[in-house]
Amino acid sequence: MKHKGILIVVSGFSGAGKGTLMKQLVHAYDNYALSVSMTTRDPRPGEEEGKEYFFVSKERFEEEISKDGLIEYARYCDHYYGTPREYVERQLEKGKDVILEIEIQGALKIRQKFPTALLLFVMPPNVAELKRRLEGRGTESQEVICQRLKRAAEEAEGIEQYDFIIINDKLEECVQEMHALIRAAHYTPLRNEELIENIRKELDALN
């Protein structure tokens, strides 16, 4: 039986390695699709339409909002960013598991709209390692690093609402564990209601 894809929402502390983990997962296995966001900002050098983002006008974006064409959206620095519903649902129908990286508040909103969404929270093995990774980037001031660690403390309050935590220590092992959890999630009763109902009907027909 062909399974419909699962919407996978990945959250985690800044510096936990979410981006690297998701890229490795998509590279290692062929059944995943990274969600492509829609934005009203202009493309940066090297960015391609439909790869990094779908670039649209403010009017087009607000039209999508009005017709419930976005799973979630937010506004940053006078520009809209959001997740197109049509793109995601098309990939799910193909049987692809769609991965969406988003913060906690957005993740919980998505769970309301998609009860079968799988919520994964990526964590470092400890806070010392998280701090080391943030400092190791070499792109942010100590002040920004402190802000990110403060934000992590706030985000830690909502971890219990996720389905699984992913400890990102050794990358290759972490990718395999993440893939195994997602595969297992395909076989929960909540995600197989149609199959269960068909089996019940067939059993009833025999009696």
C-alpha atoms as a PDB file:
ATOM      1  CA  MET A   1       0.000   0.000   0.000  1.00  0.00           C
ATOM      2  CA  LYS A   2       1.348   3.409  -1.012  1.00  0.00           C
ATOM      3  CA  HIS A   3       1.500   5.801   1.919  1.00  0.00           C
ATOM      4  CA  LYS A   4       0.714   9.470   1.635  1.00  0.00           C
ATOM      5  CA  GLY A   5       3.632  11.601   2.776  1.00  0.00           C
ATOM      6  CA  ILE A   6       3.939  13.094   6.254  1.00  0.00           C
ATOM      7  CA  LEU A   7       4.449  16.777   6.990  1.00  0.00           C
ATOM      8  CA  ILE A   8       7.534  16.930   9.216  1.00  0.00           C
ATOM      9  CA  VAL A   9       8.105  20.076  11.249  1.00  0.00           C
ATOM     10  CA  VAL A  10      11.674  20.503  12.488  1.00  0.00           C
ATOM     11  CA  SER A  11      12.459  23.001  15.238  1.00  0.00           C
ATOM     12  CA  GLY A  12      15.439  23.449  17.505  1.00  0.00           C
ATOM     13  CA  PHE A  13      17.839  25.842  19.128  1.00  0.00           C
ATOM     14  CA  SER A  14      19.922  28.114  16.930  1.00  0.00           C
ATOM     15  CA  GLY A  15      23.238  26.293  16.580  1.00  0.00           C
ATOM     16  CA  ALA A  16      21.753  22.826  17.051  1.00  0.00           C
ATOM     17  CA  GLY A  17      22.507  21.970  13.409  1.00  0.00           C
ATOM     18  CA  LYS A  18      18.973  21.762  11.967  1.00  0.00           C
ATOM     19  CA  GLY A  19      19.926  22.986   8.499  1.00  0.00           C
ATOM     20  CA  THR A  20      22.886  20.628   8.103  1.00  0.00           C
ATOM     21  CA  LEU A  21      20.840  17.707   9.414  1.00  0.00           C
ATOM     22  CA  MET A  22      17.969  18.277   6.970  1.00  0.00           C
ATOM     23  CA  LYS A  23      20.297  18.710   3.979  1.00  0.00           C
ATOM     24  CA  GLN A  24      22.055  15.447   4.837  1.00  0.00           C
ATOM     25  CA  LEU A  25      18.712  13.663   5.253  1.00  0.00           C
ATOM     26  CA  VAL A  26      17.465  14.826   1.830  1.00  0.00           C
ATOM     27  CA  HIS A  27      20.817  13.897   0.259  1.00  0.00           C
ATOM     28  CA  ALA A  28      20.900  10.414   1.848  1.00  0.00           C
ATOM     29  CA  TYR A  29      17.299   9.359   1.124  1.00  0.00           C
ATOM     30  CA  ASP A  30      15.068  10.053  -1.875  1.00  0.00           C
ATOM     31  CA  ASN A  31      11.661  10.175  -0.210  1.00  0.00           C
ATOM     32  CA  TYR A  32      12.015  13.670   1.289  1.00  0.00           C
ATOM     33  CA  ALA A  33      11.199  17.128  -0.040  1.00  0.00           C
ATOM     34  CA  LEU A  34      12.298  20.338   1.653  1.00  0.00           C
ATOM     35  CA  SER A  35       9.451  22.831   1.785  1.00  0.00           C
ATOM     36  CA  VAL A  36      10.098  25.945  -0.300  1.00  0.00           C
ATOM     37  CA  SER A  37       8.845  29.167   1.291  1.00  0.00           C
ATOM     38  CA  MET A  38       7.165  32.082  -0.479  1.00  0.00           C
ATOM     39  CA  THR A  39       8.507  35.589   0.133  1.00  0.00           C
ATOM     40  CA  THR A  40       7.960  39.189  -0.993  1.00  0.00           C
ATOM     41  CA  ARG A  41      11.640  40.143  -0.734  1.00  0.00           C
ATOM     42  CA  ASP A  42      13.847  40.378  -3.820  1.00  0.00           C
ATOM     43  CA  PRO A  43      16.096  37.432  -4.753  1.00  0.00           C
ATOM     44  CA  ARG A  44      19.674  37.653  -3.532  1.00  0.00           C
ATOM     45  CA  PRO A  45      22.572  36.872  -5.906  1.00  0.00           C
ATOM     46  CA  GLY A  46      22.597  33.142  -6.681  1.00  0.00           C
ATOM     47  CA  GLU A  47      19.063  32.451  -5.435  1.00  0.00           C
ATOM     48  CA  GLU A  48      16.773  30.645  -7.875  1.00  0.00           C
ATOM     49  CA  GLU A  49      13.002  30.852  -8.208  1.00  0.00           C
ATOM     50  CA  GLY A  50      11.410  27.705  -6.779  1.00  0.00           C
ATOM     51  CA  LYS A  51      14.652  26.513  -5.170  1.00  0.00           C
ATOM     52  CA  GLU A  52      15.455  28.863  -2.283  1.00  0.00           C
ATOM     53  CA  TYR A  53      12.074  30.654  -2.397  1.00  0.00           C
ATOM     54  CA  PHE A  54       9.042  31.411  -4.515  1.00  0.00           C
ATOM     55  CA  PHE A  55       9.437  35.171  -5.070  1.00  0.00           C
ATOM     56  CA  VAL A  56       6.118  37.026  -5.344  1.00  0.00           C
ATOM     57  CA  SER A  57       4.652  40.525  -5.019  1.00  0.00           C
ATOM     58  CA  LYS A  58       3.094  41.805  -1.796  1.00  0.00           C
ATOM     59  CA  GLU A  59      -0.321  41.763  -3.531  1.00  0.00           C
ATOM     60  CA  ARG A  60       0.063  38.131  -4.596  1.00  0.00           C
ATOM     61  CA  PHE A  61       1.159  37.126  -1.091  1.00  0.00           C
ATOM     62  CA  GLU A  62      -1.817  38.870   0.542  1.00  0.00           C
ATOM     63  CA  GLU A  63      -4.103  37.177  -1.978  1.00  0.00           C
ATOM     64  CA  GLU A  64      -2.704  33.807  -0.822  1.00  0.00           C
ATOM     65  CA  ILE A  65      -3.379  34.791   2.818  1.00  0.00           C
ATOM     66  CA  SER A  66      -6.988  35.737   2.019  1.00  0.00           C
ATOM     67  CA  LYS A  67      -7.723  32.408   0.301  1.00  0.00           C
ATOM     68  CA  ASP A  68      -5.992  30.304   2.988  1.00  0.00           C
ATOM     69  CA  GLY A  69      -3.278  29.338   0.524  1.00  0.00           C
ATOM     70  CA  LEU A  70      -0.538  29.324   3.171  1.00  0.00           C
ATOM     71  CA  ILE A  71       0.012  26.796   5.941  1.00  0.00           C
ATOM     72  CA  GLU A  72       1.687  29.491   8.024  1.00  0.00           C
ATOM     73  CA  TYR A  73       3.193  32.921   7.439  1.00  0.00           C
ATOM     74  CA  ALA A  74       4.977  35.731   9.246  1.00  0.00           C
ATOM     75  CA  ARG A  75       6.268  39.209   8.515  1.00  0.00           C
ATOM     76  CA  TYR A  76       9.904  40.197   9.120  1.00  0.00           C
ATOM     77  CA  CYS A  77      11.541  43.533   8.251  1.00  0.00           C
ATOM     78  CA  ASP A  78       8.643  44.643   5.994  1.00  0.00           C
ATOM     79  CA  HIS A  79       8.624  41.388   4.030  1.00  0.00           C
ATOM     80  CA  TYR A  80       6.289  38.406   4.182  1.00  0.00           C
ATOM     81  CA  TYR A  81       7.500  34.818   4.438  1.00  0.00           C
ATOM     82  CA  GLY A  82       5.182  31.813   4.337  1.00  0.00           C
ATOM     83  CA  THR A  83       4.702  28.147   3.414  1.00  0.00           C
ATOM     84  CA  PRO A  84       2.518  27.565   0.310  1.00  0.00           C
ATOM     85  CA  ARG A  85      -0.192  24.997   0.969  1.00  0.00           C
ATOM     86  CA  GLU A  86      -0.477  23.822  -2.664  1.00  0.00           C
ATOM     87  CA  TYR A  87       3.243  22.957  -2.960  1.00  0.00           C
ATOM     88  CA  VAL A  88       3.240  21.021   0.315  1.00  0.00           C
ATOM     89  CA  GLU A  89       0.007  19.127  -0.373  1.00  0.00           C
ATOM     90  CA  ARG A  90       1.177  18.200  -3.900  1.00  0.00           C
ATOM     91  CA  GLN A  91       4.393  16.694  -2.505  1.00  0.00           C
ATOM     92  CA  LEU A  92       2.464  14.822   0.228  1.00  0.00           C
ATOM     93  CA  GLU A  93       0.094  13.324  -2.368  1.00  0.00           C
ATOM     94  CA  LYS A  94       3.130  12.072  -4.315  1.00  0.00           C
ATOM     95  CA  GLY A  95       4.151  10.171  -1.188  1.00  0.00           C
ATOM     96  CA  LYS A  96       7.017  12.536  -0.334  1.00  0.00           C
ATOM     97  CA  ASP A  97       7.650  13.409   3.302  1.00  0.00           C
ATOM     98  CA  VAL A  98       7.829  17.212   3.368  1.00  0.00           C
ATOM     99  CA  ILE A  99      10.260  18.822   5.824  1.00  0.00           C
ATOM    100  CA  LEU A 100       9.526  22.295   7.133  1.00  0.00           C
ATOM    101  CA  GLU A 101      11.920  24.155   9.459  1.00  0.00           C
ATOM    102  CA  ILE A 102      10.025  26.501  11.757  1.00  0.00           C
ATOM    103  CA  GLU A 103      10.055  27.841  15.314  1.00  0.00           C
ATOM    104  CA  ILE A 104       7.873  26.492  18.147  1.00  0.00           C
ATOM    105  CA  GLN A 105       4.875  28.833  17.895  1.00  0.00           C
ATOM    106  CA  GLY A 106       4.519  28.171  14.165  1.00  0.00           C
ATOM    107  CA  ALA A 107       5.001  24.433  14.683  1.00  0.00           C
ATOM    108  CA  LEU A 108       2.101  24.244  17.109  1.00  0.00           C
ATOM    109  CA  LYS A 109      -0.128  26.210  14.717  1.00  0.00           C
ATOM    110  CA  ILE A 110       0.710  23.725  11.972  1.00  0.00           C
ATOM    111  CA  ARG A 111      -0.212  20.827  14.278  1.00  0.00           C
ATOM    112  CA  GLN A 112      -3.684  22.408  14.636  1.00  0.00           C
ATOM    113  CA  LYS A 113      -4.135  22.504  10.836  1.00  0.00           C
ATOM    114  CA  PHE A 114      -2.388  19.169  10.178  1.00  0.00           C
ATOM    115  CA  PRO A 115      -3.101  16.812  13.109  1.00  0.00           C
ATOM    116  CA  THR A 116      -0.931  14.110  11.513  1.00  0.00           C
ATOM    117  CA  ALA A 117       2.142  16.387  11.241  1.00  0.00           C
ATOM    118  CA  LEU A 118       5.245  14.959  12.925  1.00  0.00           C
ATOM    119  CA  LEU A 119       7.028  17.436  15.212  1.00  0.00           C
ATOM    120  CA  LEU A 120      10.761  16.910  15.775  1.00  0.00           C
ATOM    121  CA  PHE A 121      12.937  19.038  18.050  1.00  0.00           C
ATOM    122  CA  VAL A 122      16.693  19.091  17.395  1.00  0.00           C
ATOM    123  CA  MET A 123      18.963  19.500  20.419  1.00  0.00           C
ATOM    124  CA  PRO A 124      22.731  19.467  20.993  1.00  0.00           C
ATOM    125  CA  PRO A 125      24.070  16.918  23.500  1.00  0.00           C
ATOM    126  CA  ASN A 126      24.535  19.738  26.059  1.00  0.00           C
ATOM    127  CA  VAL A 127      24.541  23.534  26.429  1.00  0.00           C
ATOM    128  CA  ALA A 128      28.339  23.783  26.394  1.00  0.00           C
ATOM    129  CA  GLU A 129      28.335  22.209  22.916  1.00  0.00           C
ATOM    130  CA  LEU A 130      25.553  24.566  21.786  1.00  0.00           C
ATOM    131  CA  LYS A 131      27.620  27.579  22.903  1.00  0.00           C
ATOM    132  CA  ARG A 132      30.724  26.159  21.207  1.00  0.00           C
ATOM    133  CA  ARG A 133      28.854  25.729  17.903  1.00  0.00           C
ATOM    134  CA  LEU A 134      27.465  29.262  18.017  1.00  0.00           C
ATOM    135  CA  GLU A 135      30.906  30.704  18.720  1.00  0.00           C
ATOM    136  CA  GLY A 136      32.457  28.422  16.084  1.00  0.00           C
ATOM    137  CA  ARG A 137      30.433  30.052  13.312  1.00  0.00           C
ATOM    138  CA  GLY A 138      32.584  33.162  13.721  1.00  0.00           C
ATOM    139  CA  THR A 139      29.827  35.276  12.180  1.00  0.00           C
ATOM    140  CA  GLU A 140      28.085  36.665  15.254  1.00  0.00           C
ATOM    141  CA  SER A 141      29.046  38.953  18.108  1.00  0.00           C
ATOM    142  CA  GLN A 142      29.094  37.790  21.709  1.00  0.00           C
ATOM    143  CA  GLU A 143      25.981  39.888  22.271  1.00  0.00           C
ATOM    144  CA  VAL A 144      24.089  38.042  19.507  1.00  0.00           C
ATOM    145  CA  ILE A 145      25.269  34.680  20.864  1.00  0.00           C
ATOM    146  CA  CYS A 146      23.935  35.621  24.316  1.00  0.00           C
ATOM    147  CA  GLN A 147      20.604  36.587  22.718  1.00  0.00           C
ATOM    148  CA  ARG A 148      20.421  33.216  20.962  1.00  0.00           C
ATOM    149  CA  LEU A 149      21.153  31.363  24.204  1.00  0.00           C
ATOM    150  CA  LYS A 150      18.458  33.394  25.981  1.00  0.00           C
ATOM    151  CA  ARG A 151      16.043  32.521  23.178  1.00  0.00           C
ATOM    152  CA  ALA A 152      16.991  28.844  23.564  1.00  0.00           C
ATOM    153  CA  ALA A 153      16.010  28.997  27.238  1.00  0.00           C
ATOM    154  CA  GLU A 154      12.567  30.291  26.220  1.00  0.00           C
ATOM    155  CA  GLU A 155      12.173  27.643  23.498  1.00  0.00           C
ATOM    156  CA  ALA A 156      13.111  24.882  25.945  1.00  0.00           C
ATOM    157  CA  GLU A 157       9.783  25.490  27.714  1.00  0.00           C
ATOM    158  CA  GLY A 158       7.836  23.994  24.788  1.00  0.00           C
ATOM    159  CA  ILE A 159       9.864  20.895  23.947  1.00  0.00           C
ATOM    160  CA  GLU A 160       7.376  18.527  25.640  1.00  0.00           C
ATOM    161  CA  GLN A 161       4.801  19.317  22.943  1.00  0.00           C
ATOM    162  CA  TYR A 162       6.936  17.651  20.268  1.00  0.00           C
ATOM    163  CA  ASP A 163       6.688  14.000  19.211  1.00  0.00           C
ATOM    164  CA  PHE A 164      10.417  13.250  19.387  1.00  0.00           C
ATOM    165  CA  ILE A 165      13.655  14.947  20.286  1.00  0.00           C
ATOM    166  CA  ILE A 166      16.694  14.447  18.069  1.00  0.00           C
ATOM    167  CA  ILE A 167      20.088  14.687  19.810  1.00  0.00           C
ATOM    168  CA  ASN A 168      22.454  16.011  17.147  1.00  0.00           C
ATOM    169  CA  ASP A 169      25.837  14.751  18.353  1.00  0.00           C
ATOM    170  CA  LYS A 170      27.348  12.620  15.554  1.00  0.00           C
ATOM    171  CA  LEU A 171      25.797  13.812  12.304  1.00  0.00           C
ATOM    172  CA  GLU A 172      25.674  10.542  10.342  1.00  0.00           C
ATOM    173  CA  GLU A 173      24.130   8.632  13.259  1.00  0.00           C
ATOM    174  CA  CYS A 174      21.657  11.455  13.818  1.00  0.00           C
ATOM    175  CA  VAL A 175      20.534  11.372  10.153  1.00  0.00           C
ATOM    176  CA  GLN A 176      19.913   7.608  10.388  1.00  0.00           C
ATOM    177  CA  GLU A 177      17.967   7.982  13.653  1.00  0.00           C
ATOM    178  CA  MET A 178      15.856  10.785  12.223  1.00  0.00           C
ATOM    179  CA  HIS A 179      15.032   8.707   9.124  1.00  0.00           C
ATOM    180  CA  ALA A 180      14.103   5.696  11.298  1.00  0.00           C
ATOM    181  CA  LEU A 181      11.757   7.792  13.462  1.00  0.00           C
ATOM    182  CA  ILE A 182      10.023   9.217  10.378  1.00  0.00           C
ATOM    183  CA  ARG A 183       9.609   5.768   8.829  1.00  0.00           C
ATOM    184  CA  ALA A 184       8.113   4.456  12.087  1.00  0.00           C
ATOM    185  CA  ALA A 185       5.714   7.418  12.208  1.00  0.00           C
ATOM    186  CA  HIS A 186       4.145   6.229   8.954  1.00  0.00           C
ATOM    187  CA  TYR A 187       2.702   3.212  10.792  1.00  0.00           C
ATOM    188  CA  THR A 188       0.872   4.902  13.666  1.00  0.00           C
ATOM    189  CA  PRO A 189      -2.926   4.360  13.722  1.00  0.00           C
ATOM    190  CA  LEU A 190      -3.549   8.139  13.447  1.00  0.00           C
ATOM    191  CA  ARG A 191      -1.789   8.177  10.058  1.00  0.00           C
ATOM    192  CA  ASN A 192      -3.554   5.035   8.773  1.00  0.00           C
ATOM    193  CA  GLU A 193      -7.217   5.741   9.470  1.00  0.00           C
ATOM    194  CA  GLU A 194      -8.251   4.937   5.886  1.00  0.00           C
ATOM    195  CA  LEU A 195      -6.473   1.562   5.948  1.00  0.00           C
ATOM    196  CA  ILE A 196      -7.996   0.687   9.347  1.00  0.00           C
ATOM    197  CA  GLU A 197     -11.479   1.662   8.152  1.00  0.00           C
ATOM    198  CA  ASN A 198     -11.136  -0.458   4.993  1.00  0.00           C
ATOM    199  CA  ILE A 199     -10.014  -3.482   7.008  1.00  0.00           C
ATOM    200  CA  ARG A 200     -13.014  -3.049   9.338  1.00  0.00           C
ATOM    201  CA  LYS A 201     -15.424  -2.854   6.387  1.00  0.00           C
ATOM    202  CA  GLU A 202     -13.944  -6.000   4.833  1.00  0.00           C
ATOM    203  CA  LEU A 203     -14.209  -7.840   8.173  1.00  0.00           C
ATOM    204  CA  ASP A 204     -17.815  -6.718   8.621  1.00  0.00           C
ATOM    205  CA  ALA A 205     -18.632  -7.965   5.118  1.00  0.00           C
ATOM    206  CA  LEU A 206     -17.453 -11.452   6.098  1.00  0.00           C
ATOM    207  CA  ASN A 207     -19.824 -11.637   9.080  1.00  0.00           C
END
